[in-house]
Every structure is written in C-alpha cells, then in structure tokens.
Amino acid sequence: QQSLIAMCGKLLRVLFVIGRKQCEFEGSKLLQGLTQMKELQAV
C-alpha cells in the first residue's frame, strides 16, 4: 500500500511538471524509482 501511495505521489509530480513545462511524458523515467522500492521491500 505504501508503494502505491508513493507511485501516485510521483505521478502527480510528473504530471505537474509536464503541465508547467509543456514537455513529453516518458514512462520509463517514472518507473525507474519503482524498481528501487521493490528491492527494499524484498529485504
């Protein structure tokens, strides 16, 4: 549940920046931090 909340927060930040700077969305950049969270939860 915490990872879902973290992912939603990150998505909101990404959407905010996209709206402000009018840049393209790159989903791969959004998912980069998620692999680190999965590794921490596995430990």
PDB file of N, CA and C in Angstrom:
ATOM      1  N   GLN A   1       0.830  -1.187   0.000  1.00  0.00           N
ATOM      2  CA  GLN A   1       0.000   0.000   0.000  1.00  0.00           C
ATOM      3  C   GLN A   1       0.879   1.257   0.000  1.00  0.00           C
ATOM      4  N   GLN A   2       1.976   1.219   0.720  1.00  0.00           N
ATOM      5  CA  GLN A   2       2.861   2.382   0.749  1.00  0.00           C
ATOM      6  C   GLN A   2       3.481   2.643  -0.619  1.00  0.00           C
ATOM      7  N   SER A   3       3.807   1.574  -1.342  1.00  0.00           N
ATOM      8  CA  SER A   3       4.399   1.771  -2.666  1.00  0.00           C
ATOM      9  C   SER A   3       3.383   2.372  -3.631  1.00  0.00           C
ATOM     10  N   LEU A   4       2.115   2.007  -3.473  1.00  0.00           N
ATOM     11  CA  LEU A   4       1.064   2.580  -4.311  1.00  0.00           C
ATOM     12  C   LEU A   4       0.925   4.077  -4.040  1.00  0.00           C
ATOM     13  N   ILE A   5       0.969   4.461  -2.785  1.00  0.00           N
ATOM     14  CA  ILE A   5       0.885   5.873  -2.418  1.00  0.00           C
ATOM     15  C   ILE A   5       2.096   6.629  -2.954  1.00  0.00           C
ATOM     16  N   ALA A   6       3.278   6.023  -2.846  1.00  0.00           N
ATOM     17  CA  ALA A   6       4.495   6.660  -3.359  1.00  0.00           C
ATOM     18  C   ALA A   6       4.427   6.824  -4.871  1.00  0.00           C
ATOM     19  N   MET A   7       3.921   5.815  -5.566  1.00  0.00           N
ATOM     20  CA  MET A   7       3.806   5.883  -7.016  1.00  0.00           C
ATOM     21  C   MET A   7       2.817   6.971  -7.431  1.00  0.00           C
ATOM     22  N   CYS A   8       1.705   7.087  -6.729  1.00  0.00           N
ATOM     23  CA  CYS A   8       0.718   8.123  -7.046  1.00  0.00           C
ATOM     24  C   CYS A   8       1.297   9.515  -6.812  1.00  0.00           C
ATOM     25  N   GLY A   9       2.054   9.668  -5.742  1.00  0.00           N
ATOM     26  CA  GLY A   9       2.694  10.952  -5.470  1.00  0.00           C
ATOM     27  C   GLY A   9       3.685  11.330  -6.551  1.00  0.00           C
ATOM     28  N   LYS A  10       4.448  10.346  -6.995  1.00  0.00           N
ATOM     29  CA  LYS A  10       5.428  10.599  -8.048  1.00  0.00           C
ATOM     30  C   LYS A  10       4.721  10.947  -9.357  1.00  0.00           C
ATOM     31  N   LEU A  11       3.630  10.250  -9.649  1.00  0.00           N
ATOM     32  CA  LEU A  11       2.867  10.527 -10.865  1.00  0.00           C
ATOM     33  C   LEU A  11       2.301  11.943 -10.835  1.00  0.00           C
ATOM     34  N   LEU A  12       1.808  12.375  -9.687  1.00  0.00           N
ATOM     35  CA  LEU A  12       1.295  13.743  -9.566  1.00  0.00           C
ATOM     36  C   LEU A  12       2.389  14.773  -9.827  1.00  0.00           C
ATOM     37  N   ARG A  13       3.577  14.522  -9.292  1.00  0.00           N
ATOM     38  CA  ARG A  13       4.691  15.446  -9.530  1.00  0.00           C
ATOM     39  C   ARG A  13       5.062  15.490 -11.011  1.00  0.00           C
ATOM     40  N   VAL A  14       5.070  14.325 -11.658  1.00  0.00           N
ATOM     41  CA  VAL A  14       5.404  14.261 -13.081  1.00  0.00           C
ATOM     42  C   VAL A  14       4.365  15.020 -13.898  1.00  0.00           C
ATOM     43  N   LEU A  15       3.088  14.801 -13.604  1.00  0.00           N
ATOM     44  CA  LEU A  15       2.031  15.484 -14.347  1.00  0.00           C
ATOM     45  C   LEU A  15       2.089  16.993 -14.129  1.00  0.00           C
ATOM     46  N   PHE A  16       2.434  17.418 -12.933  1.00  0.00           N
ATOM     47  CA  PHE A  16       2.561  18.844 -12.645  1.00  0.00           C
ATOM     48  C   PHE A  16       3.666  19.467 -13.495  1.00  0.00           C
ATOM     49  N   VAL A  17       4.813  18.792 -13.567  1.00  0.00           N
ATOM     50  CA  VAL A  17       5.935  19.317 -14.358  1.00  0.00           C
ATOM     51  C   VAL A  17       5.589  19.323 -15.842  1.00  0.00           C
ATOM     52  N   ILE A  18       4.914  18.286 -16.311  1.00  0.00           N
ATOM     53  CA  ILE A  18       4.508  18.238 -17.716  1.00  0.00           C
ATOM     54  C   ILE A  18       3.597  19.422 -18.034  1.00  0.00           C
ATOM     55  N   GLY A  19       2.667  19.717 -17.138  1.00  0.00           N
ATOM     56  CA  GLY A  19       1.769  20.848 -17.348  1.00  0.00           C
ATOM     57  C   GLY A  19       2.486  22.182 -17.321  1.00  0.00           C
ATOM     58  N   ARG A  20       3.457  22.314 -16.445  1.00  0.00           N
ATOM     59  CA  ARG A  20       4.176  23.588 -16.320  1.00  0.00           C
ATOM     60  C   ARG A  20       5.146  23.820 -17.475  1.00  0.00           C
ATOM     61  N   LYS A  21       5.878  22.781 -17.859  1.00  0.00           N
ATOM     62  CA  LYS A  21       6.942  22.951 -18.858  1.00  0.00           C
ATOM     63  C   LYS A  21       6.518  22.539 -20.265  1.00  0.00           C
ATOM     64  N   GLN A  22       5.329  21.967 -20.407  1.00  0.00           N
ATOM     65  CA  GLN A  22       4.826  21.518 -21.706  1.00  0.00           C
ATOM     66  C   GLN A  22       5.801  20.552 -22.382  1.00  0.00           C
ATOM     67  N   CYS A  23       6.300  19.564 -21.624  1.00  0.00           N
ATOM     68  CA  CYS A  23       7.231  18.582 -22.177  1.00  0.00           C
ATOM     69  C   CYS A  23       6.522  17.234 -22.333  1.00  0.00           C
ATOM     70  N   GLU A  24       7.173  16.317 -23.037  1.00  0.00           N
ATOM     71  CA  GLU A  24       6.591  15.000 -23.273  1.00  0.00           C
ATOM     72  C   GLU A  24       6.772  14.102 -22.061  1.00  0.00           C
ATOM     73  N   PHE A  25       5.838  13.173 -21.902  1.00  0.00           N
ATOM     74  CA  PHE A  25       5.880  12.214 -20.802  1.00  0.00           C
ATOM     75  C   PHE A  25       6.713  11.010 -21.213  1.00  0.00           C
ATOM     76  N   GLU A  26       7.651  10.601 -20.339  1.00  0.00           N
ATOM     77  CA  GLU A  26       8.447   9.396 -20.572  1.00  0.00           C
ATOM     78  C   GLU A  26       8.182   8.428 -19.423  1.00  0.00           C
ATOM     79  N   GLY A  27       7.422   7.396 -19.697  1.00  0.00           N
ATOM     80  CA  GLY A  27       7.045   6.438 -18.669  1.00  0.00           C
ATOM     81  C   GLY A  27       8.219   5.694 -18.067  1.00  0.00           C
ATOM     82  N   SER A  28       9.282   5.524 -18.836  1.00  0.00           N
ATOM     83  CA  SER A  28      10.448   4.801 -18.318  1.00  0.00           C
ATOM     84  C   SER A  28      11.088   5.557 -17.156  1.00  0.00           C
ATOM     85  N   LYS A  29      11.065   6.882 -17.207  1.00  0.00           N
ATOM     86  CA  LYS A  29      11.633   7.670 -16.112  1.00  0.00           C
ATOM     87  C   LYS A  29      10.786   7.540 -14.856  1.00  0.00           C
ATOM     88  N   LEU A  30       9.475   7.419 -15.032  1.00  0.00           N
ATOM     89  CA  LEU A  30       8.585   7.270 -13.884  1.00  0.00           C
ATOM     90  C   LEU A  30       8.838   5.944 -13.179  1.00  0.00           C
ATOM     91  N   LEU A  31       9.105   4.903 -13.941  1.00  0.00           N
ATOM     92  CA  LEU A  31       9.262   3.568 -13.368  1.00  0.00           C
ATOM     93  C   LEU A  31      10.655   3.310 -12.805  1.00  0.00           C
ATOM     94  N   GLN A  32      11.610   4.188 -13.036  1.00  0.00           N
ATOM     95  CA  GLN A  32      12.973   3.972 -12.546  1.00  0.00           C
ATOM     96  C   GLN A  32      13.011   3.857 -11.033  1.00  0.00           C
ATOM     97  N   GLY A  33      12.325   4.703 -10.319  1.00  0.00           N
ATOM     98  CA  GLY A  33      12.341   4.684  -8.866  1.00  0.00           C
ATOM     99  C   GLY A  33      11.587   3.505  -8.281  1.00  0.00           C
ATOM    100  N   LEU A  34      10.663   2.934  -9.039  1.00  0.00           N
ATOM    101  CA  LEU A  34       9.855   1.838  -8.514  1.00  0.00           C
ATOM    102  C   LEU A  34      10.664   0.566  -8.326  1.00  0.00           C
ATOM    103  N   THR A  35      11.658   0.329  -9.161  1.00  0.00           N
ATOM    104  CA  THR A  35      12.465  -0.881  -9.005  1.00  0.00           C
ATOM    105  C   THR A  35      13.256  -0.822  -7.705  1.00  0.00           C
ATOM    106  N   GLN A  36      13.689   0.368  -7.326  1.00  0.00           N
ATOM    107  CA  GLN A  36      14.417   0.514  -6.068  1.00  0.00           C
ATOM    108  C   GLN A  36      13.503   0.224  -4.889  1.00  0.00           C
ATOM    109  N   MET A  37      12.256   0.650  -4.946  1.00  0.00           N
ATOM    110  CA  MET A  37      11.310   0.392  -3.856  1.00  0.00           C
ATOM    111  C   MET A  37      11.017  -1.101  -3.731  1.00  0.00           C
ATOM    112  N   LYS A  38      10.899  -1.791  -4.867  1.00  0.00           N
ATOM    113  CA  LYS A  38      10.632  -3.230  -4.840  1.00  0.00           C
ATOM    114  C   LYS A  38      11.788  -3.976  -4.184  1.00  0.00           C
ATOM    115  N   GLU A  39      13.015  -3.543  -4.470  1.00  0.00           N
ATOM    116  CA  GLU A  39      14.187  -4.185  -3.872  1.00  0.00           C
ATOM    117  C   GLU A  39      14.206  -3.976  -2.365  1.00  0.00           C
ATOM    118  N   LEU A  40      13.829  -2.798  -1.909  1.00  0.00           N
ATOM    119  CA  LEU A  40      13.811  -2.519  -0.474  1.00  0.00           C
ATOM    120  C   LEU A  40      12.744  -3.345   0.238  1.00  0.00           C
ATOM    121  N   GLN A  41      11.602  -3.544  -0.405  1.00  0.00           N
ATOM    122  CA  GLN A  41      10.534  -4.322   0.211  1.00  0.00           C
ATOM    123  C   GLN A  41      10.890  -5.803   0.281  1.00  0.00           C
ATOM    124  N   ALA A  42      11.709  -6.279  -0.658  1.00  0.00           N
ATOM    125  CA  ALA A  42      12.082  -7.690  -0.678  1.00  0.00           C
ATOM    126  C   ALA A  42      13.019  -8.043   0.472  1.00  0.00           C
ATOM    127  N   VAL A  43      13.731  -7.060   0.996  1.00  0.00           N
ATOM    128  CA  VAL A  43      14.705  -7.308   2.067  1.00  0.00           C
ATOM    129  C   VAL A  43      14.049  -7.494   3.383  1.00  0.00           C
TER     130      VAL A  43
END
